[in-house]
Amino acid sequence: KRTLDSLGVVQIDAVNAVARSHLLVLRSRLGGTH
């Protein structure tokens, strides 16, 4: 919740070359597995 409060929006994108973009954005700030 704190991370979402610092971002406001997390873009959703269908490309899954590494992982869905929203999971990469969250991992950069939170850690953890996708």
All heavy atoms as atom14 arrays in JSON, in Angstrom:
{
  "sequence": "KRTLDSLGVVQIDAVNAVARSHLLVLRSRLGGTH",
  "atom14_mask": [
    [1, 1, 1, 1, 1, 1, 1, 1, 1, 0, 0, 0, 0, 0],
    [1, 1, 1, 1, 1, 1, 1, 1, 1, 1, 1, 0, 0, 0],
    [1, 1, 1, 1, 1, 1, 1, 0, 0, 0, 0, 0, 0, 0],
    [1, 1, 1, 1, 1, 1, 1, 1, 0, 0, 0, 0, 0, 0],
    [1, 1, 1, 1, 1, 1, 1, 1, 0, 0, 0, 0, 0, 0],
    [1, 1, 1, 1, 1, 1, 0, 0, 0, 0, 0, 0, 0, 0],
    [1, 1, 1, 1, 1, 1, 1, 1, 0, 0, 0, 0, 0, 0],
    [1, 1, 1, 1, 0, 0, 0, 0, 0, 0, 0, 0, 0, 0],
    [1, 1, 1, 1, 1, 1, 1, 0, 0, 0, 0, 0, 0, 0],
    [1, 1, 1, 1, 1, 1, 1, 0, 0, 0, 0, 0, 0, 0],
    [1, 1, 1, 1, 1, 1, 1, 1, 1, 0, 0, 0, 0, 0],
    [1, 1, 1, 1, 1, 1, 1, 1, 0, 0, 0, 0, 0, 0],
    [1, 1, 1, 1, 1, 1, 1, 1, 0, 0, 0, 0, 0, 0],
    [1, 1, 1, 1, 1, 0, 0, 0, 0, 0, 0, 0, 0, 0],
    [1, 1, 1, 1, 1, 1, 1, 0, 0, 0, 0, 0, 0, 0],
    [1, 1, 1, 1, 1, 1, 1, 1, 0, 0, 0, 0, 0, 0],
    [1, 1, 1, 1, 1, 0, 0, 0, 0, 0, 0, 0, 0, 0],
    [1, 1, 1, 1, 1, 1, 1, 0, 0, 0, 0, 0, 0, 0],
    [1, 1, 1, 1, 1, 0, 0, 0, 0, 0, 0, 0, 0, 0],
    [1, 1, 1, 1, 1, 1, 1, 1, 1, 1, 1, 0, 0, 0],
    [1, 1, 1, 1, 1, 1, 0, 0, 0, 0, 0, 0, 0, 0],
    [1, 1, 1, 1, 1, 1, 1, 1, 1, 1, 0, 0, 0, 0],
    [1, 1, 1, 1, 1, 1, 1, 1, 0, 0, 0, 0, 0, 0],
    [1, 1, 1, 1, 1, 1, 1, 1, 0, 0, 0, 0, 0, 0],
    [1, 1, 1, 1, 1, 1, 1, 0, 0, 0, 0, 0, 0, 0],
    [1, 1, 1, 1, 1, 1, 1, 1, 0, 0, 0, 0, 0, 0],
    [1, 1, 1, 1, 1, 1, 1, 1, 1, 1, 1, 0, 0, 0],
    [1, 1, 1, 1, 1, 1, 0, 0, 0, 0, 0, 0, 0, 0],
    [1, 1, 1, 1, 1, 1, 1, 1, 1, 1, 1, 0, 0, 0],
    [1, 1, 1, 1, 1, 1, 1, 1, 0, 0, 0, 0, 0, 0],
    [1, 1, 1, 1, 0, 0, 0, 0, 0, 0, 0, 0, 0, 0],
    [1, 1, 1, 1, 0, 0, 0, 0, 0, 0, 0, 0, 0, 0],
    [1, 1, 1, 1, 1, 1, 1, 0, 0, 0, 0, 0, 0, 0],
    [1, 1, 1, 1, 1, 1, 1, 1, 1, 1, 0, 0, 0, 0]
  ],
  "atom14_positions": [
    [[0.83, -1.21, 0.0], [0.0, 0.0, 0.0], [0.86, 1.26, 0.0], [0.54, 2.24, -0.68], [-0.93, -0.01, 1.22], [-2.05, -1.03, 1.12], [-2.82, -1.14, 2.43], [-3.84, -2.27, 2.39], [-4.51, -2.48, 3.69], [0.0, 0.0, 0.0], [0.0, 0.0, 0.0], [0.0, 0.0, 0.0], [0.0, 0.0, 0.0], [0.0, 0.0, 0.0]],
    [[1.97, 1.25, 0.75], [2.86, 2.42, 0.78], [3.47, 2.66, -0.6], [3.6, 3.81, -1.03], [3.97, 2.22, 1.82], [3.5, 2.35, 3.26], [4.68, 2.47, 4.21], [5.53, 1.29, 4.21], [5.34, 0.23, 4.99], [4.31, 0.2, 5.84], [6.17, -0.8, 4.93], [0.0, 0.0, 0.0], [0.0, 0.0, 0.0], [0.0, 0.0, 0.0]],
    [[3.81, 1.57, -1.27], [4.39, 1.71, -2.61], [3.37, 2.3, -3.58], [3.69, 3.21, -4.35], [4.89, 0.35, -3.12], [6.0, -0.06, -2.31], [5.32, 0.42, -4.57], [0.0, 0.0, 0.0], [0.0, 0.0, 0.0], [0.0, 0.0, 0.0], [0.0, 0.0, 0.0], [0.0, 0.0, 0.0], [0.0, 0.0, 0.0], [0.0, 0.0, 0.0]],
    [[2.15, 1.79, -3.54], [1.12, 2.35, -4.43], [0.84, 3.81, -4.11], [0.55, 4.62, -5.0], [-0.15, 1.52, -4.35], [-0.32, 0.43, -5.42], [-0.46, 1.07, -6.81], [0.82, -0.58, -5.42], [0.0, 0.0, 0.0], [0.0, 0.0, 0.0], [0.0, 0.0, 0.0], [0.0, 0.0, 0.0], [0.0, 0.0, 0.0], [0.0, 0.0, 0.0]],
    [[0.97, 4.17, -2.83], [0.76, 5.56, -2.43], [1.85, 6.47, -2.98], [1.62, 7.66, -3.18], [0.71, 5.66, -0.9], [0.35, 7.07, -0.43], [-0.74, 7.54, -0.8], [1.17, 7.69, 0.29], [0.0, 0.0, 0.0], [0.0, 0.0, 0.0], [0.0, 0.0, 0.0], [0.0, 0.0, 0.0], [0.0, 0.0, 0.0], [0.0, 0.0, 0.0]],
    [[3.02, 5.93, -3.24], [4.11, 6.73, -3.8], [4.09, 6.78, -5.33], [4.8, 7.59, -5.93], [5.47, 6.2, -3.33], [5.75, 4.94, -3.91], [0.0, 0.0, 0.0], [0.0, 0.0, 0.0], [0.0, 0.0, 0.0], [0.0, 0.0, 0.0], [0.0, 0.0, 0.0], [0.0, 0.0, 0.0], [0.0, 0.0, 0.0], [0.0, 0.0, 0.0]],
    [[3.27, 5.94, -5.94], [3.21, 5.86, -7.4], [1.91, 6.42, -7.96], [1.9, 7.05, -9.02], [3.36, 4.41, -7.86], [4.73, 3.76, -7.65], [4.64, 2.27, -7.93], [5.77, 4.4, -8.55], [0.0, 0.0, 0.0], [0.0, 0.0, 0.0], [0.0, 0.0, 0.0], [0.0, 0.0, 0.0], [0.0, 0.0, 0.0], [0.0, 0.0, 0.0]],
    [[0.78, 6.13, -7.3], [-0.51, 6.61, -7.77], [-1.09, 5.81, -8.91], [-2.27, 5.46, -8.9], [0.0, 0.0, 0.0], [0.0, 0.0, 0.0], [0.0, 0.0, 0.0], [0.0, 0.0, 0.0], [0.0, 0.0, 0.0], [0.0, 0.0, 0.0], [0.0, 0.0, 0.0], [0.0, 0.0, 0.0], [0.0, 0.0, 0.0], [0.0, 0.0, 0.0]],
    [[-0.29, 5.51, -9.91], [-0.71, 4.66, -11.02], [0.42, 3.7, -11.36], [1.59, 4.06, -11.29], [-1.11, 5.46, -12.28], [-2.34, 6.29, -12.05], [0.03, 6.35, -12.75], [0.0, 0.0, 0.0], [0.0, 0.0, 0.0], [0.0, 0.0, 0.0], [0.0, 0.0, 0.0], [0.0, 0.0, 0.0], [0.0, 0.0, 0.0], [0.0, 0.0, 0.0]],
    [[0.05, 2.48, -11.72], [1.01, 1.49, -12.21], [0.49, 1.01, -13.56], [-0.6, 0.45, -13.65], [1.17, 0.3, -11.24], [2.13, -0.73, -11.83], [1.67, 0.77, -9.89], [0.0, 0.0, 0.0], [0.0, 0.0, 0.0], [0.0, 0.0, 0.0], [0.0, 0.0, 0.0], [0.0, 0.0, 0.0], [0.0, 0.0, 0.0], [0.0, 0.0, 0.0]],
    [[1.26, 1.28, -14.61], [0.81, 0.95, -15.96], [0.71, -0.56, -16.16], [1.57, -1.32, -15.73], [1.76, 1.55, -17.0], [1.32, 1.33, -18.43], [2.19, 2.06, -19.43], [2.87, 3.03, -19.1], [2.19, 1.61, -20.68], [0.0, 0.0, 0.0], [0.0, 0.0, 0.0], [0.0, 0.0, 0.0], [0.0, 0.0, 0.0], [0.0, 0.0, 0.0]],
    [[-0.37, -0.97, -16.83], [-0.57, -2.37, -17.19], [-0.15, -2.56, -18.65], [-0.57, -1.8, -19.52], [-2.06, -2.76, -17.04], [-2.54, -2.49, -15.61], [-2.28, -4.22, -17.4], [-4.06, -2.55, -15.46], [0.0, 0.0, 0.0], [0.0, 0.0, 0.0], [0.0, 0.0, 0.0], [0.0, 0.0, 0.0], [0.0, 0.0, 0.0], [0.0, 0.0, 0.0]],
    [[0.69, -3.54, -18.89], [1.1, -3.81, -20.27], [1.13, -5.31, -20.49], [1.52, -6.08, -19.6], [2.47, -3.21, -20.55], [2.81, -3.25, -22.03], [2.34, -2.35, -22.76], [3.5, -4.18, -22.47], [0.0, 0.0, 0.0], [0.0, 0.0, 0.0], [0.0, 0.0, 0.0], [0.0, 0.0, 0.0], [0.0, 0.0, 0.0], [0.0, 0.0, 0.0]],
    [[0.72, -5.73, -21.67], [0.55, -7.16, -21.96], [1.87, -7.87, -22.25], [1.94, -9.1, -22.18], [-0.4, -7.35, -23.15], [0.0, 0.0, 0.0], [0.0, 0.0, 0.0], [0.0, 0.0, 0.0], [0.0, 0.0, 0.0], [0.0, 0.0, 0.0], [0.0, 0.0, 0.0], [0.0, 0.0, 0.0], [0.0, 0.0, 0.0], [0.0, 0.0, 0.0]],
    [[2.92, -7.13, -22.61], [4.19, -7.76, -22.98], [4.76, -8.52, -21.77], [4.84, -7.99, -20.67], [5.21, -6.72, -23.48], [6.56, -7.37, -23.77], [4.68, -6.03, -24.73], [0.0, 0.0, 0.0], [0.0, 0.0, 0.0], [0.0, 0.0, 0.0], [0.0, 0.0, 0.0], [0.0, 0.0, 0.0], [0.0, 0.0, 0.0], [0.0, 0.0, 0.0]],
    [[5.16, -9.76, -22.02], [5.59, -10.64, -20.93], [6.97, -11.22, -21.22], [7.24, -12.39, -20.91], [4.56, -11.76, -20.73], [4.71, -12.47, -19.4], [5.28, -11.92, -18.45], [4.23, -13.69, -19.32], [0.0, 0.0, 0.0], [0.0, 0.0, 0.0], [0.0, 0.0, 0.0], [0.0, 0.0, 0.0], [0.0, 0.0, 0.0], [0.0, 0.0, 0.0]],
    [[7.86, -10.41, -21.8], [9.18, -10.9, -22.19], [9.99, -11.33, -20.97], [10.7, -12.34, -21.0], [9.93, -9.82, -22.96], [0.0, 0.0, 0.0], [0.0, 0.0, 0.0], [0.0, 0.0, 0.0], [0.0, 0.0, 0.0], [0.0, 0.0, 0.0], [0.0, 0.0, 0.0], [0.0, 0.0, 0.0], [0.0, 0.0, 0.0], [0.0, 0.0, 0.0]],
    [[9.91, -10.55, -19.9], [10.57, -10.88, -18.63], [9.5, -11.22, -17.59], [9.5, -12.28, -16.99], [11.46, -9.72, -18.15], [12.1, -10.06, -16.8], [12.55, -9.41, -19.18], [0.0, 0.0, 0.0], [0.0, 0.0, 0.0], [0.0, 0.0, 0.0], [0.0, 0.0, 0.0], [0.0, 0.0, 0.0], [0.0, 0.0, 0.0], [0.0, 0.0, 0.0]],
    [[8.6, -10.29, -17.39], [7.4, -10.45, -16.56], [6.48, -9.31, -16.94], [6.89, -8.38, -17.64], [7.75, -10.4, -15.07], [0.0, 0.0, 0.0], [0.0, 0.0, 0.0], [0.0, 0.0, 0.0], [0.0, 0.0, 0.0], [0.0, 0.0, 0.0], [0.0, 0.0, 0.0], [0.0, 0.0, 0.0], [0.0, 0.0, 0.0], [0.0, 0.0, 0.0]],
    [[5.22, -9.36, -16.52], [4.34, -8.22, -16.77], [4.96, -6.97, -16.15], [5.5, -7.02, -15.04], [2.97, -8.45, -16.17], [2.27, -9.72, -16.63], [1.75, -9.63, -18.04], [0.95, -10.81, -18.36], [0.62, -11.18, -19.59], [1.02, -10.47, -20.62], [-0.11, -12.27, -19.79], [0.0, 0.0, 0.0], [0.0, 0.0, 0.0], [0.0, 0.0, 0.0]],
    [[4.83, -5.86, -16.86], [5.48, -4.63, -16.42], [5.13, -4.23, -14.99], [5.98, -3.79, -14.22], [5.13, -3.48, -17.37], [5.7, -2.27, -16.9], [0.0, 0.0, 0.0], [0.0, 0.0, 0.0], [0.0, 0.0, 0.0], [0.0, 0.0, 0.0], [0.0, 0.0, 0.0], [0.0, 0.0, 0.0], [0.0, 0.0, 0.0], [0.0, 0.0, 0.0]],
    [[3.84, -4.37, -14.62], [3.45, -3.93, -13.28], [4.19, -4.71, -12.19], [4.49, -4.16, -11.13], [1.93, -4.03, -13.09], [1.34, -5.35, -13.42], [0.95, -5.7, -14.69], [1.06, -6.43, -12.64], [0.45, -6.92, -14.68], [0.51, -7.39, -13.45], [0.0, 0.0, 0.0], [0.0, 0.0, 0.0], [0.0, 0.0, 0.0], [0.0, 0.0, 0.0]],
    [[4.52, -5.97, -12.47], [5.26, -6.76, -11.49], [6.71, -6.3, -11.4], [7.3, -6.26, -10.31], [5.19, -8.24, -11.84], [3.78, -8.85, -11.84], [3.81, -10.3, -12.28], [3.13, -8.72, -10.46], [0.0, 0.0, 0.0], [0.0, 0.0, 0.0], [0.0, 0.0, 0.0], [0.0, 0.0, 0.0], [0.0, 0.0, 0.0], [0.0, 0.0, 0.0]],
    [[7.29, -5.91, -12.52], [8.66, -5.39, -12.52], [8.74, -4.07, -11.76], [9.68, -3.83, -11.0], [9.16, -5.2, -13.96], [9.29, -6.48, -14.8], [9.57, -6.13, -16.25], [10.39, -7.38, -14.25], [0.0, 0.0, 0.0], [0.0, 0.0, 0.0], [0.0, 0.0, 0.0], [0.0, 0.0, 0.0], [0.0, 0.0, 0.0], [0.0, 0.0, 0.0]],
    [[7.74, -3.22, -11.97], [7.69, -1.93, -11.26], [7.59, -2.15, -9.76], [8.29, -1.51, -8.96], [6.51, -1.08, -11.78], [6.29, 0.15, -10.9], [6.75, -0.66, -13.22], [0.0, 0.0, 0.0], [0.0, 0.0, 0.0], [0.0, 0.0, 0.0], [0.0, 0.0, 0.0], [0.0, 0.0, 0.0], [0.0, 0.0, 0.0], [0.0, 0.0, 0.0]],
    [[6.72, -3.06, -9.35], [6.55, -3.35, -7.93], [7.8, -3.99, -7.33], [8.23, -3.64, -6.22], [5.33, -4.24, -7.72], [3.98, -3.62, -8.06], [2.88, -4.67, -8.05], [3.65, -2.47, -7.11], [0.0, 0.0, 0.0], [0.0, 0.0, 0.0], [0.0, 0.0, 0.0], [0.0, 0.0, 0.0], [0.0, 0.0, 0.0], [0.0, 0.0, 0.0]],
    [[8.42, -4.91, -8.05], [9.62, -5.56, -7.53], [10.75, -4.57, -7.31], [11.52, -4.68, -6.34], [10.11, -6.66, -8.5], [11.25, -7.51, -7.95], [11.97, -8.28, -9.03], [12.76, -7.42, -9.88], [14.04, -7.09, -9.64], [14.66, -7.56, -8.58], [14.68, -6.31, -10.47], [0.0, 0.0, 0.0], [0.0, 0.0, 0.0], [0.0, 0.0, 0.0]],
    [[10.87, -3.57, -8.19], [11.94, -2.57, -8.05], [11.84, -1.81, -6.73], [12.83, -1.28, -6.24], [11.89, -1.58, -9.22], [12.29, -2.19, -10.42], [0.0, 0.0, 0.0], [0.0, 0.0, 0.0], [0.0, 0.0, 0.0], [0.0, 0.0, 0.0], [0.0, 0.0, 0.0], [0.0, 0.0, 0.0], [0.0, 0.0, 0.0], [0.0, 0.0, 0.0]],
    [[10.63, -1.75, -6.17], [10.42, -0.98, -4.95], [10.21, -1.86, -3.71], [10.46, -1.4, -2.6], [9.2, -0.07, -5.15], [9.49, 1.05, -6.15], [8.27, 1.49, -6.9], [8.56, 2.6, -7.8], [9.03, 2.45, -9.03], [9.26, 1.25, -9.53], [9.28, 3.52, -9.77], [0.0, 0.0, 0.0], [0.0, 0.0, 0.0], [0.0, 0.0, 0.0]],
    [[9.76, -3.07, -3.92], [9.38, -3.93, -2.79], [10.27, -5.14, -2.61], [10.41, -5.65, -1.49], [7.94, -4.41, -2.99], [6.83, -3.38, -2.8], [5.53, -3.89, -3.41], [6.65, -3.05, -1.34], [0.0, 0.0, 0.0], [0.0, 0.0, 0.0], [0.0, 0.0, 0.0], [0.0, 0.0, 0.0], [0.0, 0.0, 0.0], [0.0, 0.0, 0.0]],
    [[10.84, -5.65, -3.71], [11.51, -6.94, -3.65], [10.48, -8.06, -3.77], [9.31, -7.83, -4.09], [0.0, 0.0, 0.0], [0.0, 0.0, 0.0], [0.0, 0.0, 0.0], [0.0, 0.0, 0.0], [0.0, 0.0, 0.0], [0.0, 0.0, 0.0], [0.0, 0.0, 0.0], [0.0, 0.0, 0.0], [0.0, 0.0, 0.0], [0.0, 0.0, 0.0]],
    [[10.92, -9.28, -3.49], [10.02, -10.42, -3.55], [9.93, -11.03, -4.94], [10.41, -10.47, -5.92], [0.0, 0.0, 0.0], [0.0, 0.0, 0.0], [0.0, 0.0, 0.0], [0.0, 0.0, 0.0], [0.0, 0.0, 0.0], [0.0, 0.0, 0.0], [0.0, 0.0, 0.0], [0.0, 0.0, 0.0], [0.0, 0.0, 0.0], [0.0, 0.0, 0.0]],
    [[9.29, -12.17, -5.02], [9.11, -12.84, -6.31], [7.89, -12.26, -7.03], [6.98, -11.69, -6.41], [8.89, -14.35, -6.12], [7.64, -14.55, -5.43], [10.03, -14.98, -5.33], [0.0, 0.0, 0.0], [0.0, 0.0, 0.0], [0.0, 0.0, 0.0], [0.0, 0.0, 0.0], [0.0, 0.0, 0.0], [0.0, 0.0, 0.0], [0.0, 0.0, 0.0]],
    [[7.87, -12.42, -8.33], [6.71, -11.96, -9.1], [5.46, -12.72, -8.71], [4.36, -12.14, -8.69], [6.99, -12.11, -10.6], [8.14, -11.26, -11.07], [9.0, -11.65, -12.06], [8.57, -10.05, -10.66], [9.9, -10.71, -12.26], [9.67, -9.73, -11.41], [0.0, 0.0, 0.0], [0.0, 0.0, 0.0], [0.0, 0.0, 0.0], [0.0, 0.0, 0.0]]
  ]
}
